[in-house]
Amino acid sequence: MRTFRQVLVSLLVFSLALSSTATAQERHVVDPSALSQVVASHVSSQDASRAAIHDVLNRPEIRSVAAESGFDLGRIDASVDTLDGAALGQVAAATEQVRQSLVGGASTVTISTTTIIIALLVVILIIVAVD
């Protein structure tokens, strides 16, 4: 009986050592270089969104509206680097609306553009306050 138990245990250990889960660690579903490329693309996309937000916040029109409305633009500009995920997407979309409103070198800010700018600044403040 003891010999049978030793043989049985040896066979079980041997079969577990050769099982597919033990060798599955060597195989990858996604190529590591493709995965790193996707991650790098995502990071560069987020960096581009942050750069666009910084560019819009540094425009003279935005600075004047923020000063008139009492927003601390330095704090808002610094908090942009902490945004990520959905919050970054929301702010980037609002920034694109502001940028489209100011495209073409418009030197005057209309009421609707001012509203969009204030909304952008409020969205940034709310997102930073929640985090």
N, C-alpha and C. Protein backbone atom coordinates (compact mmCIF):
# COMPACT_ATOMS: atom_id res chain seq x y z
N MET A 1 0.82 -1.19 0.00
CA MET A 1 0.00 0.00 0.00
C MET A 1 0.86 1.26 0.00
N ARG A 2 1.95 1.22 0.75
CA ARG A 2 2.83 2.38 0.81
C ARG A 2 3.47 2.65 -0.54
N THR A 3 3.87 1.64 -1.24
CA THR A 3 4.47 1.79 -2.56
C THR A 3 3.45 2.37 -3.54
N PHE A 4 2.24 1.86 -3.46
CA PHE A 4 1.18 2.38 -4.34
C PHE A 4 0.95 3.88 -4.10
N ARG A 5 0.94 4.29 -2.84
CA ARG A 5 0.74 5.70 -2.49
C ARG A 5 1.89 6.56 -3.02
N GLN A 6 3.13 6.06 -2.90
CA GLN A 6 4.29 6.81 -3.39
C GLN A 6 4.24 6.95 -4.91
N VAL A 7 3.86 5.91 -5.58
CA VAL A 7 3.75 5.95 -7.05
C VAL A 7 2.64 6.92 -7.46
N LEU A 8 1.53 6.85 -6.77
CA LEU A 8 0.40 7.73 -7.08
C LEU A 8 0.77 9.20 -6.84
N VAL A 9 1.41 9.49 -5.73
CA VAL A 9 1.83 10.86 -5.43
C VAL A 9 2.85 11.33 -6.46
N SER A 10 3.78 10.47 -6.81
CA SER A 10 4.79 10.82 -7.82
C SER A 10 4.14 11.13 -9.15
N LEU A 11 3.18 10.35 -9.56
CA LEU A 11 2.47 10.59 -10.83
C LEU A 11 1.69 11.91 -10.78
N LEU A 12 1.04 12.18 -9.66
CA LEU A 12 0.29 13.43 -9.54
C LEU A 12 1.22 14.65 -9.58
N VAL A 13 2.33 14.58 -8.88
CA VAL A 13 3.29 15.69 -8.89
C VAL A 13 3.84 15.88 -10.29
N PHE A 14 4.17 14.80 -10.96
CA PHE A 14 4.70 14.87 -12.32
C PHE A 14 3.67 15.47 -13.28
N SER A 15 2.41 15.05 -13.15
CA SER A 15 1.37 15.58 -14.04
C SER A 15 1.11 17.06 -13.77
N LEU A 16 1.19 17.46 -12.50
CA LEU A 16 1.02 18.89 -12.20
C LEU A 16 2.17 19.71 -12.72
N ALA A 17 3.36 19.18 -12.68
CA ALA A 17 4.53 19.90 -13.18
C ALA A 17 4.44 20.12 -14.69
N LEU A 18 3.81 19.21 -15.38
CA LEU A 18 3.70 19.31 -16.84
C LEU A 18 2.37 19.89 -17.30
N SER A 19 1.57 20.35 -16.37
CA SER A 19 0.24 20.84 -16.74
C SER A 19 0.35 22.14 -17.54
N SER A 20 -0.70 22.49 -18.20
CA SER A 20 -0.70 23.67 -19.05
C SER A 20 -0.59 24.96 -18.25
N THR A 21 -1.04 24.97 -17.00
CA THR A 21 -0.93 26.20 -16.22
C THR A 21 0.51 26.50 -15.86
N ALA A 22 1.31 25.48 -15.69
CA ALA A 22 2.72 25.71 -15.37
C ALA A 22 3.47 26.25 -16.58
N THR A 23 3.12 25.81 -17.76
CA THR A 23 3.80 26.29 -18.97
C THR A 23 3.11 27.52 -19.55
N ALA A 24 1.94 27.90 -19.06
CA ALA A 24 1.21 29.04 -19.62
C ALA A 24 1.91 30.35 -19.32
N GLN A 25 2.75 30.38 -18.32
CA GLN A 25 3.45 31.60 -17.97
C GLN A 25 4.43 32.01 -19.06
N GLU A 26 4.85 31.10 -19.88
CA GLU A 26 5.80 31.40 -20.93
C GLU A 26 5.12 32.04 -22.14
N ARG A 27 3.86 31.79 -22.32
CA ARG A 27 3.13 32.32 -23.48
C ARG A 27 2.43 33.62 -23.13
N HIS A 28 2.32 34.52 -24.10
CA HIS A 28 1.63 35.79 -23.90
C HIS A 28 0.51 35.92 -24.92
N VAL A 29 -0.63 36.38 -24.44
CA VAL A 29 -1.75 36.60 -25.35
C VAL A 29 -1.46 37.81 -26.23
N VAL A 30 -0.87 38.83 -25.62
CA VAL A 30 -0.53 40.05 -26.33
C VAL A 30 0.99 40.17 -26.32
N ASP A 31 1.53 40.51 -27.46
CA ASP A 31 2.97 40.70 -27.58
C ASP A 31 3.40 41.86 -26.66
N PRO A 32 4.43 41.68 -25.85
CA PRO A 32 4.84 42.74 -24.93
C PRO A 32 5.19 44.05 -25.63
N SER A 33 5.75 43.98 -26.82
CA SER A 33 6.08 45.23 -27.54
C SER A 33 4.80 45.95 -27.99
N ALA A 34 3.78 45.19 -28.37
CA ALA A 34 2.51 45.81 -28.75
C ALA A 34 1.85 46.45 -27.54
N LEU A 35 1.94 45.79 -26.40
CA LEU A 35 1.37 46.33 -25.17
C LEU A 35 2.08 47.61 -24.77
N SER A 36 3.40 47.63 -24.84
CA SER A 36 4.14 48.85 -24.48
C SER A 36 3.85 49.96 -25.47
N GLN A 37 3.62 49.62 -26.73
CA GLN A 37 3.29 50.64 -27.73
C GLN A 37 1.92 51.26 -27.44
N VAL A 38 0.95 50.46 -27.02
CA VAL A 38 -0.37 50.97 -26.67
C VAL A 38 -0.29 51.88 -25.45
N VAL A 39 0.48 51.46 -24.46
CA VAL A 39 0.64 52.28 -23.25
C VAL A 39 1.31 53.60 -23.59
N ALA A 40 2.36 53.55 -24.41
CA ALA A 40 3.06 54.77 -24.81
C ALA A 40 2.13 55.69 -25.60
N SER A 41 1.29 55.11 -26.45
CA SER A 41 0.34 55.91 -27.22
C SER A 41 -0.67 56.59 -26.30
N HIS A 42 -1.14 55.86 -25.30
CA HIS A 42 -2.11 56.42 -24.34
C HIS A 42 -1.48 57.56 -23.55
N VAL A 43 -0.25 57.37 -23.11
CA VAL A 43 0.45 58.40 -22.34
C VAL A 43 0.68 59.63 -23.20
N SER A 44 1.09 59.45 -24.46
CA SER A 44 1.32 60.60 -25.32
C SER A 44 0.01 61.33 -25.64
N SER A 45 -1.08 60.59 -25.73
CA SER A 45 -2.39 61.21 -25.95
C SER A 45 -2.78 62.07 -24.75
N GLN A 46 -2.56 61.54 -23.55
CA GLN A 46 -2.86 62.32 -22.34
C GLN A 46 -1.96 63.55 -22.25
N ASP A 47 -0.69 63.40 -22.60
CA ASP A 47 0.23 64.54 -22.58
C ASP A 47 -0.20 65.61 -23.58
N ALA A 48 -0.67 65.18 -24.75
CA ALA A 48 -1.14 66.13 -25.75
C ALA A 48 -2.39 66.87 -25.26
N SER A 49 -3.28 66.16 -24.58
CA SER A 49 -4.48 66.80 -24.02
C SER A 49 -4.10 67.83 -22.96
N ARG A 50 -3.16 67.47 -22.10
CA ARG A 50 -2.72 68.41 -21.07
C ARG A 50 -2.05 69.63 -21.69
N ALA A 51 -1.24 69.42 -22.73
CA ALA A 51 -0.57 70.54 -23.40
C ALA A 51 -1.60 71.48 -24.05
N ALA A 52 -2.65 70.90 -24.64
CA ALA A 52 -3.69 71.74 -25.25
C ALA A 52 -4.41 72.55 -24.19
N ILE A 53 -4.67 71.95 -23.04
CA ILE A 53 -5.34 72.67 -21.95
C ILE A 53 -4.45 73.80 -21.45
N HIS A 54 -3.16 73.52 -21.27
CA HIS A 54 -2.22 74.56 -20.83
C HIS A 54 -2.16 75.71 -21.84
N ASP A 55 -2.15 75.36 -23.13
CA ASP A 55 -2.10 76.39 -24.18
C ASP A 55 -3.31 77.32 -24.11
N VAL A 56 -4.49 76.72 -23.93
CA VAL A 56 -5.70 77.54 -23.86
C VAL A 56 -5.70 78.39 -22.60
N LEU A 57 -5.27 77.82 -21.49
CA LEU A 57 -5.26 78.58 -20.24
C LEU A 57 -4.25 79.72 -20.26
N ASN A 58 -3.25 79.64 -21.12
CA ASN A 58 -2.24 80.69 -21.20
C ASN A 58 -2.59 81.79 -22.20
N ARG A 59 -3.71 81.68 -22.88
CA ARG A 59 -4.12 82.73 -23.83
C ARG A 59 -4.53 83.98 -23.06
N PRO A 60 -4.23 85.15 -23.60
CA PRO A 60 -4.56 86.40 -22.91
C PRO A 60 -6.06 86.57 -22.67
N GLU A 61 -6.89 86.10 -23.61
CA GLU A 61 -8.33 86.23 -23.44
C GLU A 61 -8.81 85.44 -22.23
N ILE A 62 -8.26 84.24 -22.07
CA ILE A 62 -8.64 83.38 -20.96
C ILE A 62 -8.18 84.00 -19.65
N ARG A 63 -6.95 84.51 -19.66
CA ARG A 63 -6.41 85.13 -18.44
C ARG A 63 -7.25 86.33 -18.00
N SER A 64 -7.71 87.13 -18.96
CA SER A 64 -8.50 88.29 -18.59
C SER A 64 -9.87 87.89 -18.06
N VAL A 65 -10.51 86.90 -18.69
CA VAL A 65 -11.81 86.43 -18.20
C VAL A 65 -11.67 85.81 -16.82
N ALA A 66 -10.60 85.04 -16.60
CA ALA A 66 -10.39 84.42 -15.29
C ALA A 66 -10.15 85.48 -14.23
N ALA A 67 -9.38 86.52 -14.56
CA ALA A 67 -9.11 87.58 -13.59
C ALA A 67 -10.39 88.34 -13.25
N GLU A 68 -11.20 88.63 -14.27
CA GLU A 68 -12.47 89.34 -14.04
C GLU A 68 -13.45 88.51 -13.21
N SER A 69 -13.36 87.17 -13.37
CA SER A 69 -14.29 86.29 -12.66
C SER A 69 -13.78 85.87 -11.29
N GLY A 70 -12.53 86.20 -10.98
CA GLY A 70 -11.98 85.90 -9.66
C GLY A 70 -11.39 84.51 -9.51
N PHE A 71 -11.04 83.85 -10.62
CA PHE A 71 -10.43 82.52 -10.56
C PHE A 71 -8.93 82.65 -10.40
N ASP A 72 -8.33 81.76 -9.61
CA ASP A 72 -6.88 81.69 -9.46
C ASP A 72 -6.35 80.82 -10.59
N LEU A 73 -5.95 81.45 -11.68
CA LEU A 73 -5.54 80.71 -12.87
C LEU A 73 -4.24 79.94 -12.64
N GLY A 74 -3.38 80.43 -11.77
CA GLY A 74 -2.16 79.69 -11.46
C GLY A 74 -2.45 78.34 -10.82
N ARG A 75 -3.40 78.34 -9.91
CA ARG A 75 -3.79 77.08 -9.24
C ARG A 75 -4.47 76.14 -10.24
N ILE A 76 -5.32 76.69 -11.07
CA ILE A 76 -6.03 75.87 -12.06
C ILE A 76 -5.03 75.27 -13.04
N ASP A 77 -4.08 76.10 -13.51
CA ASP A 77 -3.08 75.63 -14.46
C ASP A 77 -2.22 74.53 -13.84
N ALA A 78 -1.87 74.67 -12.58
CA ALA A 78 -1.06 73.65 -11.90
C ALA A 78 -1.85 72.36 -11.70
N SER A 79 -3.15 72.47 -11.52
CA SER A 79 -3.95 71.27 -11.27
C SER A 79 -4.22 70.45 -12.53
N VAL A 80 -3.98 71.03 -13.70
CA VAL A 80 -4.21 70.30 -14.95
C VAL A 80 -3.33 69.05 -15.01
N ASP A 81 -2.12 69.13 -14.47
CA ASP A 81 -1.22 67.98 -14.53
C ASP A 81 -1.67 66.82 -13.66
N THR A 82 -2.62 67.05 -12.77
CA THR A 82 -3.12 65.96 -11.93
C THR A 82 -4.32 65.25 -12.54
N LEU A 83 -4.86 65.78 -13.62
CA LEU A 83 -6.03 65.18 -14.25
C LEU A 83 -5.65 63.93 -15.03
N ASP A 84 -6.54 62.95 -15.03
CA ASP A 84 -6.36 61.76 -15.85
C ASP A 84 -7.71 61.12 -16.11
N GLY A 85 -7.73 60.19 -17.01
CA GLY A 85 -8.94 59.43 -17.30
C GLY A 85 -10.09 60.26 -17.81
N ALA A 86 -11.26 60.03 -17.26
CA ALA A 86 -12.49 60.70 -17.71
C ALA A 86 -12.44 62.20 -17.43
N ALA A 87 -11.84 62.58 -16.31
CA ALA A 87 -11.75 64.00 -15.98
C ALA A 87 -10.93 64.74 -17.02
N LEU A 88 -9.82 64.15 -17.44
CA LEU A 88 -8.98 64.77 -18.46
C LEU A 88 -9.75 64.86 -19.78
N GLY A 89 -10.52 63.85 -20.09
CA GLY A 89 -11.31 63.87 -21.32
C GLY A 89 -12.36 64.97 -21.31
N GLN A 90 -13.03 65.17 -20.17
CA GLN A 90 -14.04 66.22 -20.06
C GLN A 90 -13.41 67.60 -20.23
N VAL A 91 -12.31 67.82 -19.54
CA VAL A 91 -11.66 69.13 -19.62
C VAL A 91 -11.09 69.36 -21.01
N ALA A 92 -10.54 68.32 -21.63
CA ALA A 92 -10.00 68.46 -22.98
C ALA A 92 -11.11 68.80 -23.98
N ALA A 93 -12.28 68.20 -23.80
CA ALA A 93 -13.41 68.50 -24.69
C ALA A 93 -13.86 69.95 -24.52
N ALA A 94 -13.94 70.41 -23.27
CA ALA A 94 -14.32 71.80 -23.03
C ALA A 94 -13.25 72.75 -23.57
N THR A 95 -12.00 72.36 -23.43
CA THR A 95 -10.90 73.17 -23.96
C THR A 95 -10.98 73.28 -25.46
N GLU A 96 -11.34 72.20 -26.12
CA GLU A 96 -11.47 72.22 -27.58
C GLU A 96 -12.58 73.17 -28.01
N GLN A 97 -13.68 73.22 -27.25
CA GLN A 97 -14.75 74.17 -27.56
C GLN A 97 -14.26 75.60 -27.43
N VAL A 98 -13.50 75.86 -26.38
CA VAL A 98 -12.96 77.21 -26.18
C VAL A 98 -12.00 77.55 -27.31
N ARG A 99 -11.14 76.61 -27.65
CA ARG A 99 -10.15 76.85 -28.71
C ARG A 99 -10.85 77.12 -30.04
N GLN A 100 -11.90 76.37 -30.33
CA GLN A 100 -12.65 76.58 -31.56
C GLN A 100 -13.32 77.95 -31.57
N SER A 101 -13.76 78.41 -30.41
CA SER A 101 -14.39 79.73 -30.32
C SER A 101 -13.40 80.84 -30.58
N LEU A 102 -12.15 80.61 -30.20
CA LEU A 102 -11.14 81.65 -30.34
C LEU A 102 -10.27 81.50 -31.59
N VAL A 103 -10.58 80.53 -32.43
CA VAL A 103 -9.77 80.28 -33.62
C VAL A 103 -9.89 81.44 -34.60
N GLY A 104 -8.87 81.68 -35.33
CA GLY A 104 -8.90 82.73 -36.34
C GLY A 104 -8.43 84.07 -35.79
N GLY A 105 -7.84 84.06 -34.64
CA GLY A 105 -7.28 85.29 -34.09
C GLY A 105 -8.32 86.28 -33.60
N ALA A 106 -9.45 85.79 -33.20
CA ALA A 106 -10.48 86.69 -32.68
C ALA A 106 -9.94 87.43 -31.46
N SER A 107 -10.02 88.74 -31.50
CA SER A 107 -9.47 89.51 -30.40
C SER A 107 -10.53 89.88 -29.37
N THR A 108 -11.78 89.65 -29.70
CA THR A 108 -12.85 89.94 -28.75
C THR A 108 -13.45 88.65 -28.24
N VAL A 109 -13.88 88.68 -27.02
CA VAL A 109 -14.51 87.52 -26.42
C VAL A 109 -16.00 87.82 -26.28
N THR A 110 -16.83 87.00 -26.89
CA THR A 110 -18.26 87.22 -26.81
C THR A 110 -18.80 86.58 -25.54
N ILE A 111 -20.07 86.82 -25.27
CA ILE A 111 -20.70 86.29 -24.07
C ILE A 111 -20.65 84.77 -24.06
N SER A 112 -20.94 84.14 -25.21
CA SER A 112 -20.95 82.68 -25.23
C SER A 112 -19.55 82.12 -24.98
N THR A 113 -18.54 82.74 -25.54
CA THR A 113 -17.18 82.28 -25.30
C THR A 113 -16.80 82.48 -23.84
N THR A 114 -17.20 83.59 -23.27
CA THR A 114 -16.92 83.85 -21.85
C THR A 114 -17.60 82.79 -20.99
N THR A 115 -18.80 82.42 -21.34
CA THR A 115 -19.52 81.38 -20.61
C THR A 115 -18.80 80.04 -20.70
N ILE A 116 -18.32 79.73 -21.89
CA ILE A 116 -17.60 78.46 -22.07
C ILE A 116 -16.31 78.47 -21.25
N ILE A 117 -15.61 79.60 -21.26
CA ILE A 117 -14.36 79.70 -20.50
C ILE A 117 -14.62 79.53 -19.01
N ILE A 118 -15.64 80.21 -18.51
CA ILE A 118 -15.97 80.08 -17.09
C ILE A 118 -16.38 78.65 -16.76
N ALA A 119 -17.14 78.03 -17.66
CA ALA A 119 -17.53 76.64 -17.44
C ALA A 119 -16.30 75.74 -17.40
N LEU A 120 -15.34 75.98 -18.29
CA LEU A 120 -14.10 75.21 -18.29
C LEU A 120 -13.37 75.36 -16.97
N LEU A 121 -13.24 76.57 -16.49
CA LEU A 121 -12.54 76.81 -15.24
C LEU A 121 -13.28 76.17 -14.06
N VAL A 122 -14.60 76.24 -14.07
CA VAL A 122 -15.38 75.62 -13.00
C VAL A 122 -15.25 74.10 -13.04
N VAL A 123 -15.27 73.51 -14.23
CA VAL A 123 -15.11 72.06 -14.37
C VAL A 123 -13.77 71.62 -13.80
N ILE A 124 -12.71 72.36 -14.13
CA ILE A 124 -11.39 72.01 -13.61
C ILE A 124 -11.38 72.11 -12.09
N LEU A 125 -11.94 73.17 -11.56
CA LEU A 125 -11.96 73.33 -10.10
C LEU A 125 -12.75 72.23 -9.41
N ILE A 126 -13.89 71.86 -9.98
CA ILE A 126 -14.72 70.81 -9.38
C ILE A 126 -13.99 69.48 -9.40
N ILE A 127 -13.37 69.16 -10.54
CA ILE A 127 -12.68 67.89 -10.66
C ILE A 127 -11.52 67.83 -9.67
N VAL A 128 -10.78 68.92 -9.54
CA VAL A 128 -9.65 68.93 -8.61
C VAL A 128 -10.15 68.84 -7.17
N ALA A 129 -11.26 69.51 -6.87
CA ALA A 129 -11.80 69.48 -5.51
C ALA A 129 -12.30 68.10 -5.14
N VAL A 130 -12.87 67.36 -6.08
CA VAL A 130 -13.38 66.03 -5.81
C VAL A 130 -12.24 65.05 -5.57
N ASP A 131 -11.16 65.19 -6.33
CA ASP A 131 -10.02 64.30 -6.15
C ASP A 131 -9.33 64.64 -4.88
